Amino acid sequence: MEQTVLSQTDYTETKTGISNFGGDPVTIIGERLVRLPNDVEVEQYLYHIVGHTPENGQPFVGLKANIIVD
């Protein structure tokens, strides 16, 4: 699914939260607004799962609604 990033903000101070999927603690490093192929715009967080390093080194991306911010 191709999406277009409309804006992105990298935080100078990270936020902490919990993922709604599995309850993993996360460190939120930024947010972005994207347009999906069906022209729907969604807000997303860029985050790292605490204690997990992805193989590609890139942050995870998830809908803001799926992360509970502390």
C-alpha atoms as a PDB file:
ATOM      1  CA  MET A   1       0.000   0.000   0.000  1.00  0.00           C
ATOM      2  CA  GLU A   2       1.603   3.257  -1.152  1.00  0.00           C
ATOM      3  CA  GLN A   3       1.148   6.257   1.086  1.00  0.00           C
ATOM      4  CA  THR A   4       2.265   9.863   0.845  1.00  0.00           C
ATOM      5  CA  VAL A   5       3.854  11.553   3.856  1.00  0.00           C
ATOM      6  CA  LEU A   6       2.260  15.007   4.127  1.00  0.00           C
ATOM      7  CA  SER A   7       4.177  16.162   7.208  1.00  0.00           C
ATOM      8  CA  GLN A   8       6.563  14.742   9.782  1.00  0.00           C
ATOM      9  CA  THR A   9       7.739  16.031  13.147  1.00  0.00           C
ATOM     10  CA  ASP A  10      10.683  14.500  14.999  1.00  0.00           C
ATOM     11  CA  TYR A  11      10.430  15.174  18.733  1.00  0.00           C
ATOM     12  CA  THR A  12      13.302  16.877  20.554  1.00  0.00           C
ATOM     13  CA  GLU A  13      12.083  15.128  23.725  1.00  0.00           C
ATOM     14  CA  THR A  14      10.686  11.628  23.406  1.00  0.00           C
ATOM     15  CA  LYS A  15       7.401  10.468  24.906  1.00  0.00           C
ATOM     16  CA  THR A  16       6.676   7.099  26.452  1.00  0.00           C
ATOM     17  CA  GLY A  17       3.640   4.937  25.967  1.00  0.00           C
ATOM     18  CA  ILE A  18       2.175   1.477  25.636  1.00  0.00           C
ATOM     19  CA  SER A  19       1.221  -0.315  22.433  1.00  0.00           C
ATOM     20  CA  ASN A  20      -2.379  -1.510  22.270  1.00  0.00           C
ATOM     21  CA  PHE A  21      -1.013  -4.628  20.543  1.00  0.00           C
ATOM     22  CA  GLY A  22       0.683  -6.794  23.136  1.00  0.00           C
ATOM     23  CA  GLY A  23       1.079  -4.063  25.754  1.00  0.00           C
ATOM     24  CA  ASP A  24       4.744  -3.417  24.913  1.00  0.00           C
ATOM     25  CA  PRO A  25       6.297  -0.234  26.336  1.00  0.00           C
ATOM     26  CA  VAL A  26       7.339   2.162  23.572  1.00  0.00           C
ATOM     27  CA  THR A  27       9.417   5.309  23.147  1.00  0.00           C
ATOM     28  CA  ILE A  28       7.725   7.719  20.749  1.00  0.00           C
ATOM     29  CA  ILE A  29      10.233   9.719  18.700  1.00  0.00           C
ATOM     30  CA  GLY A  30       7.936  11.613  16.344  1.00  0.00           C
ATOM     31  CA  GLU A  31       4.706  11.755  14.431  1.00  0.00           C
ATOM     32  CA  ARG A  32       3.523  12.186  10.889  1.00  0.00           C
ATOM     33  CA  LEU A  33       0.454  12.734   8.770  1.00  0.00           C
ATOM     34  CA  VAL A  34       0.056  10.489   5.714  1.00  0.00           C
ATOM     35  CA  ARG A  35      -2.419  10.198   2.866  1.00  0.00           C
ATOM     36  CA  LEU A  36      -3.395   6.635   1.978  1.00  0.00           C
ATOM     37  CA  PRO A  37      -4.166   5.522  -1.600  1.00  0.00           C
ATOM     38  CA  ASN A  38      -7.902   5.937  -0.937  1.00  0.00           C
ATOM     39  CA  ASP A  39      -7.273   9.641  -0.076  1.00  0.00           C
ATOM     40  CA  VAL A  40      -7.844   9.093   3.657  1.00  0.00           C
ATOM     41  CA  GLU A  41      -5.429  11.018   5.887  1.00  0.00           C
ATOM     42  CA  VAL A  42      -4.210   9.323   9.079  1.00  0.00           C
ATOM     43  CA  GLU A  43      -1.988  10.402  11.970  1.00  0.00           C
ATOM     44  CA  GLN A  44       0.829   8.063  12.942  1.00  0.00           C
ATOM     45  CA  TYR A  45       3.513   7.836  15.643  1.00  0.00           C
ATOM     46  CA  LEU A  46       7.108   6.879  14.931  1.00  0.00           C
ATOM     47  CA  TYR A  47       8.341   4.755  17.826  1.00  0.00           C
ATOM     48  CA  HIS A  48      10.738   2.150  19.171  1.00  0.00           C
ATOM     49  CA  ILE A  49       9.640  -0.844  21.223  1.00  0.00           C
ATOM     50  CA  VAL A  50      11.619  -0.798  24.459  1.00  0.00           C
ATOM     51  CA  GLY A  51      14.174  -3.633  24.485  1.00  0.00           C
ATOM     52  CA  HIS A  52      13.768  -4.462  20.781  1.00  0.00           C
ATOM     53  CA  THR A  53      16.023  -3.429  17.916  1.00  0.00           C
ATOM     54  CA  PRO A  54      14.543  -3.945  14.444  1.00  0.00           C
ATOM     55  CA  GLU A  55      16.834  -5.556  11.886  1.00  0.00           C
ATOM     56  CA  ASN A  56      16.576  -2.565   9.539  1.00  0.00           C
ATOM     57  CA  GLY A  57      17.194  -0.034  12.330  1.00  0.00           C
ATOM     58  CA  GLN A  58      14.128   2.008  11.368  1.00  0.00           C
ATOM     59  CA  PRO A  59      11.451   3.053  13.854  1.00  0.00           C
ATOM     60  CA  PHE A  60       8.084   1.374  13.867  1.00  0.00           C
ATOM     61  CA  VAL A  61       5.102   3.314  12.544  1.00  0.00           C
ATOM     62  CA  GLY A  62       1.650   2.969  14.057  1.00  0.00           C
ATOM     63  CA  LEU A  63      -1.651   4.785  14.127  1.00  0.00           C
ATOM     64  CA  LYS A  64      -1.873   7.236  16.995  1.00  0.00           C
ATOM     65  CA  ALA A  65      -5.058   5.447  18.098  1.00  0.00           C
ATOM     66  CA  ASN A  66      -3.000   2.273  18.701  1.00  0.00           C
ATOM     67  CA  ILE A  67      -0.567   3.843  21.182  1.00  0.00           C
ATOM     68  CA  ILE A  68      -1.481   4.961  24.698  1.00  0.00           C
ATOM     69  CA  VAL A  69       0.764   7.885  25.668  1.00  0.00           C
ATOM     70  CA  ASP A  70       1.851   8.111  29.318  1.00  0.00           C
END
